[in-house]
């Protein structure tokens, strides 16, 4: 069966313009080194094929991997590096007074995450210490209950119109301010029930929420976050189906539960797949992320004698991209298993081969044929640019405008498997003759920086991969 061909666009770059997401050619001094020894040249006269060396390293790429929780990289000894810092706030933390918002708390998170090489995953919980006193003073209905960890808490009546009005207002305000923020990775749709997790476990007497109210709570998030991905707990019932059909991802609590709550029932065997089947959500991973949160922490699994390979393999079967171990150290004997897990979860891009001419003429196209692989279990859920550049050997830096109107490549469509990428780089007529290096990177659309590490050798300090030589005539 033939593979689809994907076209790529070369955008215009004007020196000093600061235009983001550029597709360009740069000329500057570079020592070519032993490229052929790293990649190997194959092919017929006039063209050659490069096969980059595939590496087996753990890659710390955006939107995937282990996440810290209420912490940042380096805060917890024995925790893997992370590109996501997941934080939860109570409603009262962000809106302590009616209409008075503590945006500084979220702003500080985003700044610190960026300094730590992370993006923020954000959840706002309306209960378990969450509803602010001023909301209750409005006359909002609700009831006291005892949560599973003891103490006292208060559950708002979700059917009360005041709940949709005021918690909905907070969600919309957060969306107005932060939707599409470059340092916000995702938003957790925590708007109903115990811990905002779309259930009323441990709450007696067991309340009910009207289906129209439940749908309205989903709509508020979908309408408020058009650019930033949103995720919803897998146990959301009909609302999960509705959310996934409209672009949300899903998350599941208690990964690793093999009997913590009952000898006859556990999440791994009796909940996750059943929820997915009921929601018709087995293919949701193709367009939105899958997150898991540990049951207890991994040390609890180790102390209970659980099979770590079984737990991780099941998570991979459900196409996991993100795993939250609650900022707990990994059991030392499980580091190798965790690293093997991280090499498979989410996306993992490699170049199988790249074929191009050994010589090209200024003013003509440099035709490149390539095959890429996604070696992970899921796609990337934000789009990035596949960007090529030419580097003039033994010359100082200068930039050249490149023009090509075509572009229909969307990396979010690169599911696990192989993908052809064939393109023509339009070389300027005044391109100086000489020997050049061809480099590639996956770059951020907004900043133009190389942000995704590939599973191949040859990465330089800025995230670019030198692939081949070409002689310009």
Protein backbone atom coordinates (compact mmCIF):
# COMPACT_ATOMS: atom_id res chain seq x y z
CA UNK A 1 0.00 0.00 0.00
CA UNK A 2 1.43 3.37 -0.99
CA UNK A 3 2.00 6.04 1.62
CA UNK A 4 0.48 9.53 1.34
CA UNK A 5 2.68 12.36 0.16
CA UNK A 6 2.74 15.50 2.30
CA UNK A 7 3.64 18.89 0.89
CA UNK A 8 5.54 21.54 2.80
CA UNK A 9 5.54 25.31 2.56
CA UNK A 10 8.55 27.59 2.60
CA UNK A 11 7.54 30.90 4.16
CA UNK A 12 9.17 34.23 3.41
CA UNK A 13 11.77 35.54 5.84
CA UNK A 14 12.66 39.20 5.90
CA UNK A 15 15.74 39.99 8.00
CA UNK A 16 14.71 41.88 11.10
CA UNK A 17 11.00 41.24 10.58
CA UNK A 18 10.67 38.97 13.61
CA UNK A 19 7.99 37.00 11.74
CA UNK A 20 7.30 33.75 13.64
CA UNK A 21 7.19 30.26 12.20
CA UNK A 22 9.65 31.04 9.39
CA UNK A 23 10.87 28.50 6.85
CA UNK A 24 14.24 29.81 5.73
CA UNK A 25 17.78 29.28 4.51
CA UNK A 26 20.64 30.58 6.65
CA UNK A 27 24.24 30.91 5.54
CA UNK A 28 26.98 30.90 8.17
CA UNK A 29 30.28 29.28 8.99
CA UNK A 30 29.99 25.65 10.03
CA UNK A 31 32.43 22.79 10.23
CA UNK A 32 30.90 19.85 8.38
CA UNK A 33 32.82 17.27 10.42
CA UNK A 34 32.22 13.56 9.95
CA UNK A 35 28.60 13.71 8.76
CA UNK A 36 28.98 10.84 6.31
CA UNK A 37 30.32 8.67 9.10
CA UNK A 38 27.26 9.49 11.21
CA UNK A 39 24.59 8.98 8.58
CA UNK A 40 26.06 7.18 5.58
CA UNK A 41 25.47 8.13 1.92
CA UNK A 42 23.63 5.85 -0.47
CA UNK A 43 22.12 6.40 -3.90
CA UNK A 44 22.72 6.77 -7.65
CA UNK A 45 24.90 9.32 -9.48
CA UNK A 46 23.51 12.83 -9.11
CA UNK A 47 21.43 11.97 -6.03
CA UNK A 48 22.23 10.39 -2.72
CA UNK A 49 20.24 9.02 0.17
CA UNK A 50 20.99 9.79 3.80
CA UNK A 51 19.86 7.45 6.57
CA UNK A 52 20.30 9.16 9.94
CA UNK A 53 21.29 7.01 12.90
CA UNK A 54 18.27 6.21 15.09
CA UNK A 55 18.94 6.81 18.80
CA UNK A 56 17.37 5.20 21.86
CA UNK A 57 17.54 8.19 24.23
CA UNK A 58 14.65 9.44 26.36
CA UNK A 59 13.36 12.59 24.62
CA UNK A 60 11.84 15.38 26.71
CA UNK A 61 9.47 16.96 24.20
CA UNK A 62 6.54 19.37 24.62
CA UNK A 63 3.14 18.02 25.67
CA UNK A 64 4.22 14.53 26.71
CA UNK A 65 6.03 12.48 29.34
CA UNK A 66 5.94 12.56 33.13
CA UNK A 67 4.48 15.72 34.66
CA UNK A 68 5.37 17.34 37.94
CA UNK A 69 2.38 18.15 40.18
CA UNK A 70 2.27 21.36 42.22
CA UNK A 71 6.03 21.45 41.67
CA UNK A 72 8.61 22.23 38.99
CA UNK A 73 11.66 20.52 37.53
CA UNK A 74 14.27 19.97 40.21
CA UNK A 75 11.89 20.33 43.15
CA UNK A 76 11.62 16.58 43.81
CA UNK A 77 14.71 14.42 43.99
CA UNK A 78 14.29 11.17 42.12
CA UNK A 79 11.61 12.49 39.74
CA UNK A 80 12.16 12.47 35.95
CA UNK A 81 12.64 15.67 34.00
CA UNK A 82 9.30 17.02 32.77
CA UNK A 83 7.97 19.41 30.15
CA UNK A 84 4.63 19.89 31.98
CA UNK A 85 4.03 21.31 35.45
CA UNK A 86 0.49 20.36 36.50
CA UNK A 87 -1.12 22.63 39.11
CA UNK A 88 -4.52 22.63 40.75
CA UNK A 89 -6.18 25.53 42.53
CA UNK A 90 -9.36 25.80 44.50
CA UNK A 91 -11.97 28.27 43.32
CA UNK A 92 -11.35 30.37 46.44
CA UNK A 93 -7.62 30.56 45.62
CA UNK A 94 -8.27 32.41 42.35
CA UNK A 95 -11.45 34.34 43.25
CA UNK A 96 -11.22 35.01 47.02
CA UNK A 97 -13.76 37.83 46.71
CA UNK A 98 -16.69 38.20 44.35
CA UNK A 99 -15.25 39.43 41.03
CA UNK A 100 -11.73 39.91 42.46
CA UNK A 101 -9.26 37.61 40.71
CA UNK A 102 -5.77 36.58 41.78
CA UNK A 103 -4.31 36.42 38.28
CA UNK A 104 -0.89 36.93 39.81
CA UNK A 105 -0.96 33.36 41.10
CA UNK A 106 -1.42 31.92 37.59
CA UNK A 107 0.96 34.45 36.03
CA UNK A 108 3.68 33.45 38.48
CA UNK A 109 3.14 29.78 37.64
CA UNK A 110 3.50 30.41 33.92
CA UNK A 111 6.68 32.43 34.41
CA UNK A 112 8.29 29.88 36.72
CA UNK A 113 7.33 27.02 34.42
CA UNK A 114 8.96 28.75 31.46
CA UNK A 115 12.14 29.28 33.49
CA UNK A 116 12.04 25.56 34.37
CA UNK A 117 11.64 24.48 30.74
CA UNK A 118 7.98 23.52 31.26
CA UNK A 119 4.45 24.53 30.36
CA UNK A 120 1.56 24.58 32.83
CA UNK A 121 -1.36 22.17 33.04
CA UNK A 122 -4.10 23.96 34.98
CA UNK A 123 -7.14 22.75 36.93
CA UNK A 124 -9.58 24.77 39.09
CA UNK A 125 -11.53 22.73 41.66
CA UNK A 126 -14.91 24.02 42.87
CA UNK A 127 -15.22 21.73 45.93
CA UNK A 128 -13.19 20.07 48.70
CA UNK A 129 -12.21 23.40 50.21
CA UNK A 130 -12.93 25.15 46.94
CA UNK A 131 -16.17 27.20 46.97
CA UNK A 132 -15.40 30.67 48.36
CA UNK A 133 -17.35 31.92 51.36
CA UNK A 134 -18.77 34.83 49.40
CA UNK A 135 -20.46 32.33 47.04
CA UNK A 136 -22.24 30.62 49.93
CA UNK A 137 -23.22 34.03 51.31
CA UNK A 138 -25.12 34.71 48.07
CA UNK A 139 -27.61 32.11 49.30
CA UNK A 140 -26.27 29.34 47.07
CA UNK A 141 -27.63 25.92 47.96
CA UNK A 142 -25.44 22.98 48.94
CA UNK A 143 -24.67 20.62 51.82
CA UNK A 144 -21.95 19.57 54.22
CA UNK A 145 -20.27 16.20 53.86
CA UNK A 146 -17.19 14.32 55.08
CA UNK A 147 -14.59 13.66 52.36
CA UNK A 148 -12.60 10.43 52.28
CA UNK A 149 -9.59 11.97 54.03
CA UNK A 150 -11.79 13.15 56.93
CA UNK A 151 -12.70 16.63 58.09
CA UNK A 152 -15.58 18.69 56.75
CA UNK A 153 -16.32 20.01 53.30
CA UNK A 154 -19.20 21.64 51.47
CA UNK A 155 -20.64 20.54 48.13
CA UNK A 156 -22.44 23.19 46.06
CA UNK A 157 -25.70 22.19 44.46
CA UNK A 158 -24.74 22.08 40.80
CA UNK A 159 -28.38 22.43 39.79
CA UNK A 160 -28.54 25.84 41.48
CA UNK A 161 -28.49 28.47 38.70
CA UNK A 162 -25.97 30.43 40.78
CA UNK A 163 -23.40 27.68 40.25
CA UNK A 164 -23.47 27.86 36.47
CA UNK A 165 -23.47 31.64 36.64
CA UNK A 166 -20.52 32.15 38.98
CA UNK A 167 -18.27 29.16 38.39
CA UNK A 168 -19.00 29.60 34.70
CA UNK A 169 -17.96 33.25 35.00
CA UNK A 170 -14.62 32.27 36.51
CA UNK A 171 -13.96 29.71 33.76
CA UNK A 172 -14.76 32.24 31.05
CA UNK A 173 -12.50 34.85 32.65
CA UNK A 174 -9.61 32.37 32.72
CA UNK A 175 -10.25 31.57 29.07
CA UNK A 176 -10.32 35.25 28.10
CA UNK A 177 -6.98 35.84 29.74
CA UNK A 178 -5.05 32.62 29.09
CA UNK A 179 -6.48 30.71 26.13
CA UNK A 180 -3.64 30.19 23.66
CA UNK A 181 -0.99 31.37 26.11
CA UNK A 182 2.36 29.95 24.91
CA UNK A 183 3.21 28.68 28.40
CA UNK A 184 -0.16 26.95 29.02
CA UNK A 185 -0.07 23.29 27.95
CA UNK A 186 -3.66 22.26 28.75
CA UNK A 187 -6.66 22.91 30.99
CA UNK A 188 -8.23 20.19 33.12
CA UNK A 189 -12.04 20.35 32.99
CA UNK A 190 -12.64 19.98 36.75
CA UNK A 191 -16.09 21.54 37.08
CA UNK A 192 -18.39 19.00 38.73
CA UNK A 193 -18.44 16.74 41.79
CA UNK A 194 -15.87 15.49 44.26
CA UNK A 195 -12.50 17.18 43.61
CA UNK A 196 -14.13 18.44 40.40
CA UNK A 197 -13.71 14.94 38.96
CA UNK A 198 -17.19 14.41 37.51
CA UNK A 199 -18.32 11.97 40.21
CA UNK A 200 -19.84 12.09 43.70
CA UNK A 201 -17.95 9.20 45.30
CA UNK A 202 -17.58 9.59 49.08
CA UNK A 203 -20.43 12.15 49.13
CA UNK A 204 -23.49 11.10 51.13
CA UNK A 205 -26.33 11.46 50.49
CA UNK A 206 -25.35 10.97 46.86
CA UNK A 207 -26.46 14.05 44.85
CA UNK A 208 -27.38 14.22 41.19
CA UNK A 209 -26.66 16.86 38.59
CA UNK A 210 -29.17 17.58 35.85
CA UNK A 211 -27.92 16.40 32.41
CA UNK A 212 -28.47 19.87 30.98
CA UNK A 213 -26.31 21.35 33.71
CA UNK A 214 -23.57 18.80 33.05
CA UNK A 215 -23.61 19.59 29.33
CA UNK A 216 -23.58 23.33 30.05
CA UNK A 217 -20.44 22.92 32.19
CA UNK A 218 -18.70 21.17 29.29
CA UNK A 219 -19.81 23.87 26.86
CA UNK A 220 -18.32 26.60 29.05
CA UNK A 221 -14.87 25.02 28.73
CA UNK A 222 -15.19 24.26 25.04
CA UNK A 223 -16.24 27.83 24.35
CA UNK A 224 -13.62 29.39 26.63
CA UNK A 225 -10.62 27.43 25.33
CA UNK A 226 -10.48 27.38 21.57
CA UNK A 227 -6.69 27.12 21.27
CA UNK A 228 -5.47 25.51 24.49
CA UNK A 229 -6.32 21.78 24.70
CA UNK A 230 -8.82 20.72 27.37
CA UNK A 231 -9.10 17.28 28.98
CA UNK A 232 -11.92 15.64 30.91
CA UNK A 233 -12.02 12.80 33.43
CA UNK A 234 -12.91 9.52 31.77
CA UNK A 235 -15.87 8.87 34.11
CA UNK A 236 -17.92 11.79 32.82
CA UNK A 237 -20.70 9.65 31.32
CA UNK A 238 -22.63 11.11 28.38
CA UNK A 239 -20.78 14.38 28.86
CA UNK A 240 -17.50 12.61 28.13
CA UNK A 241 -18.85 11.48 24.78
CA UNK A 242 -20.01 15.01 24.06
CA UNK A 243 -16.70 16.57 25.11
CA UNK A 244 -14.60 14.15 23.04
CA UNK A 245 -16.80 14.62 19.98
CA UNK A 246 -16.05 18.33 20.27
CA UNK A 247 -12.28 18.03 20.52
CA UNK A 248 -11.49 17.42 24.21
CA UNK A 249 -9.01 14.82 25.41
CA UNK A 250 -9.47 12.49 28.35
CA UNK A 251 -7.68 11.76 31.59
CA UNK A 252 -8.01 8.89 34.05
CA UNK A 253 -7.24 8.71 37.75
CA UNK A 254 -5.79 5.73 39.57
CA UNK A 255 -3.49 4.19 36.98
CA UNK A 256 -1.88 1.24 38.73
CA UNK A 257 -4.94 0.23 40.74
CA UNK A 258 -4.84 -3.56 40.72
CA UNK A 259 -6.87 -4.05 43.87
CA UNK A 260 -6.38 -1.04 46.12
CA UNK A 261 -10.09 -0.54 46.79
CA UNK A 262 -11.50 -4.04 46.39
CA UNK A 263 -10.43 -7.62 45.77
CA UNK A 264 -13.18 -7.92 43.16
CA UNK A 265 -12.91 -4.61 41.27
CA UNK A 266 -10.11 -2.35 40.10
CA UNK A 267 -9.67 0.55 37.71
CA UNK A 268 -7.24 -1.19 35.39
CA UNK A 269 -9.49 -4.18 34.66
CA UNK A 270 -13.01 -2.96 35.37
CA UNK A 271 -13.19 0.76 34.60
CA UNK A 272 -11.00 2.32 31.90
CA UNK A 273 -11.87 0.18 28.89
CA UNK A 274 -15.51 0.00 29.92
CA UNK A 275 -15.72 3.79 30.11
CA UNK A 276 -14.07 4.15 26.70
CA UNK A 277 -16.41 1.60 25.12
CA UNK A 278 -19.47 3.27 26.61
CA UNK A 279 -18.35 6.68 25.39
CA UNK A 280 -17.32 5.43 21.93
CA UNK A 281 -13.94 6.96 22.71
CA UNK A 282 -11.43 4.32 21.65
CA UNK A 283 -10.18 6.52 18.79
CA UNK A 284 -10.26 9.82 20.69
CA UNK A 285 -6.44 9.70 21.04
CA UNK A 286 -6.13 10.41 17.33
CA UNK A 287 -7.12 14.05 17.85
CA UNK A 288 -6.75 14.82 21.58
CA UNK A 289 -4.36 13.76 24.36
CA UNK A 290 -4.67 10.93 26.90
CA UNK A 291 -3.47 11.63 30.46
CA UNK A 292 -3.15 9.28 33.42
CA UNK A 293 -2.70 10.00 37.13
CA UNK A 294 -1.26 7.38 39.46
CA UNK A 295 -3.27 5.53 42.08
CA UNK A 296 -1.38 6.65 45.14
CA UNK A 297 2.15 6.89 43.72
CA UNK A 298 4.51 4.43 42.06
CA UNK A 299 6.13 3.63 45.40
CA UNK A 300 2.74 2.32 46.55
CA UNK A 301 2.70 0.02 43.51
CA UNK A 302 6.18 -1.23 44.37
CA UNK A 303 5.27 -1.81 48.02
CA UNK A 304 2.17 -3.74 46.91
CA UNK A 305 4.17 -6.01 44.60
CA UNK A 306 2.41 -4.83 41.43
CA UNK A 307 3.64 -5.71 37.93
CA UNK A 308 5.08 -2.46 36.55
CA UNK A 309 5.44 -3.82 33.02
CA UNK A 310 1.74 -4.72 32.93
CA UNK A 311 0.71 -1.26 34.19
CA UNK A 312 2.87 0.62 31.70
CA UNK A 313 1.91 -1.63 28.78
CA UNK A 314 -1.78 -1.08 29.48
CA UNK A 315 -1.26 2.69 29.57
CA UNK A 316 0.52 2.47 26.22
CA UNK A 317 -2.34 0.39 24.85
CA UNK A 318 -4.65 3.29 25.73
CA UNK A 319 -2.27 5.69 23.89
CA UNK A 320 -1.00 7.65 26.87
CA UNK A 321 0.87 10.90 26.26
CA UNK A 322 1.14 12.28 29.82
CA UNK A 323 1.58 10.55 33.19
CA UNK A 324 1.25 12.29 36.57
CA UNK A 325 2.98 10.46 39.46
CA UNK A 326 2.11 13.34 41.82
CA UNK A 327 5.69 14.62 42.05
CA UNK A 328 6.74 11.49 43.91
CA UNK A 329 10.20 9.92 43.48
CA UNK A 330 10.37 6.83 41.31
CA UNK A 331 11.26 3.58 43.05
CA UNK A 332 14.98 3.21 42.20
CA UNK A 333 14.61 -0.33 40.86
CA UNK A 334 11.96 0.88 38.39
CA UNK A 335 13.99 3.61 36.70
CA UNK A 336 14.80 1.46 33.68
CA UNK A 337 11.14 0.49 33.27
CA UNK A 338 10.10 4.15 33.54
CA UNK A 339 12.65 5.19 30.92
CA UNK A 340 11.45 2.46 28.55
CA UNK A 341 7.91 3.76 29.14
CA UNK A 342 8.93 7.34 28.36
CA UNK A 343 10.53 6.24 25.08
CA UNK A 344 7.19 4.87 23.85
CA UNK A 345 4.53 7.20 25.25
CA UNK A 346 3.32 10.19 23.24
CA UNK A 347 5.01 10.97 19.91
CA UNK A 348 8.57 10.20 18.83
CA UNK A 349 9.71 11.42 15.41
CA UNK A 350 12.61 10.03 13.38
CA UNK A 351 13.81 10.33 9.78
CA UNK A 352 14.15 7.00 7.99
CA UNK A 353 15.80 8.42 4.89
CA UNK A 354 16.24 11.62 2.93
CA UNK A 355 17.12 11.67 -0.79
CA UNK A 356 18.39 14.82 -2.53
CA UNK A 357 20.71 15.89 -5.34
CA UNK A 358 24.44 16.13 -4.77
CA UNK A 359 24.38 19.33 -6.90
CA UNK A 360 21.74 22.02 -7.45
CA UNK A 361 21.56 25.28 -9.39
CA UNK A 362 20.73 28.66 -7.97
CA UNK A 363 17.32 29.80 -9.20
CA UNK A 364 15.96 26.24 -9.35
CA UNK A 365 14.31 23.91 -6.85
CA UNK A 366 16.20 21.62 -4.52
CA UNK A 367 14.01 18.51 -4.63
CA UNK A 368 13.97 16.49 -1.42
CA UNK A 369 12.25 13.18 -0.82
CA UNK A 370 12.06 11.90 2.74
CA UNK A 371 10.33 9.33 4.90
CA UNK A 372 9.65 10.05 8.55
CA UNK A 373 8.37 7.80 11.32
CA UNK A 374 6.34 8.43 14.42
CA UNK A 375 7.72 5.73 16.73
CA UNK A 376 5.45 6.62 19.65
CA UNK A 377 1.88 5.57 20.43
CA UNK A 378 0.16 8.92 19.77
CA UNK A 379 0.40 12.01 17.57
CA UNK A 380 1.56 15.45 18.62
CA UNK A 381 -1.45 17.61 19.55
CA UNK A 382 -0.07 21.02 18.66
CA UNK A 383 1.18 21.80 15.20
CA UNK A 384 4.83 22.56 14.51
CA UNK A 385 6.77 23.32 11.34
CA UNK A 386 9.20 20.99 9.64
CA UNK A 387 11.88 23.53 8.76
CA UNK A 388 14.91 23.09 6.53
CA UNK A 389 17.87 25.42 6.20
CA UNK A 390 21.06 25.53 4.14
CA UNK A 391 24.29 26.42 5.92
CA UNK A 392 27.15 27.82 3.86
CA UNK A 393 30.40 26.15 4.74
CA UNK A 394 33.27 28.42 5.77
CA UNK A 395 31.29 31.69 5.54
CA UNK A 396 29.92 34.16 8.05
CA UNK A 397 26.21 34.39 8.83
CA UNK A 398 23.78 35.95 6.37
CA UNK A 399 20.14 35.26 5.48
CA UNK A 400 18.40 34.81 2.14
CA UNK A 401 14.70 35.15 1.27
CA UNK A 402 13.10 31.92 0.14
CA UNK A 403 9.66 31.82 -1.53
CA UNK A 404 7.23 28.98 -2.00
CA UNK A 405 3.43 29.35 -1.63
CA UNK A 406 2.65 25.68 -0.86
CA UNK A 407 2.04 24.38 2.64
CA UNK A 408 -0.44 21.76 3.77
CA UNK A 409 1.60 19.83 6.32
CA UNK A 410 -0.09 19.33 9.69
CA UNK A 411 2.05 17.29 12.07
CA UNK A 412 -1.01 16.50 14.18
CA UNK A 413 -2.02 14.11 11.40
CA UNK A 414 1.18 12.07 11.74
CA UNK A 415 -0.19 9.10 13.66
CA UNK A 416 2.18 6.26 14.62
CA UNK A 417 3.73 4.85 11.47
CA UNK A 418 5.58 6.14 8.39
CA UNK A 419 4.94 9.40 6.53
CA UNK A 420 6.38 10.65 3.22
CA UNK A 421 7.47 14.29 3.00
CA UNK A 422 8.40 15.42 -0.52
CA UNK A 423 9.19 19.07 -1.22
CA UNK A 424 11.09 21.50 -3.39
CA UNK A 425 13.19 24.24 -1.80
CA UNK A 426 13.19 27.21 -4.17
CA UNK A 427 16.79 28.42 -4.37
CA UNK A 428 17.26 32.15 -5.06
CA UNK A 429 18.85 33.04 -8.36
CA UNK A 430 21.56 35.04 -6.59
CA UNK A 431 22.46 32.26 -4.17
CA UNK A 432 26.25 32.23 -3.98
CA UNK A 433 27.87 29.10 -5.39
CA UNK A 434 29.64 26.80 -2.98
CA UNK A 435 29.24 23.89 -0.65
CA UNK A 436 26.36 23.89 1.86
CA UNK A 437 25.04 21.74 4.68
CA UNK A 438 21.33 20.88 4.83
CA UNK A 439 19.77 20.93 8.31
CA UNK A 440 16.28 20.26 9.61
CA UNK A 441 14.33 21.01 12.79
CA UNK A 442 10.77 20.96 14.08
CA UNK A 443 10.14 24.56 15.04
CA UNK A 444 7.58 26.46 17.08
CA UNK A 445 5.11 28.33 14.88
CA UNK A 446 5.15 31.41 17.12
CA UNK A 447 8.86 31.68 17.97
CA UNK A 448 10.61 29.92 15.09
CA UNK A 449 12.82 28.07 17.59
CA UNK A 450 13.64 24.37 17.29
CA UNK A 451 11.60 22.77 20.08
CA UNK A 452 11.17 19.05 19.31
CA UNK A 453 14.05 16.62 19.67
CA UNK A 454 14.14 13.89 17.04
CA UNK A 455 15.10 10.28 17.65
CA UNK A 456 18.18 10.61 15.43
CA UNK A 457 21.77 11.58 16.02
CA UNK A 458 23.45 14.80 14.99
CA UNK A 459 21.58 17.37 17.11
CA UNK A 460 23.43 20.64 17.60
CA UNK A 461 23.14 22.97 20.61
CA UNK A 462 20.12 24.77 19.11
CA UNK A 463 18.12 21.67 18.24
CA UNK A 464 19.01 21.44 14.52
CA UNK A 465 20.08 18.25 12.76
CA UNK A 466 22.70 18.39 10.01
CA UNK A 467 21.66 15.84 7.40
CA UNK A 468 23.67 16.22 4.21
CA UNK A 469 25.90 18.26 1.92
CA UNK A 470 24.86 19.87 -1.38
CA UNK A 471 26.93 21.75 -3.96
CA UNK A 472 25.25 24.91 -5.31
CA UNK A 473 26.28 25.88 -8.83
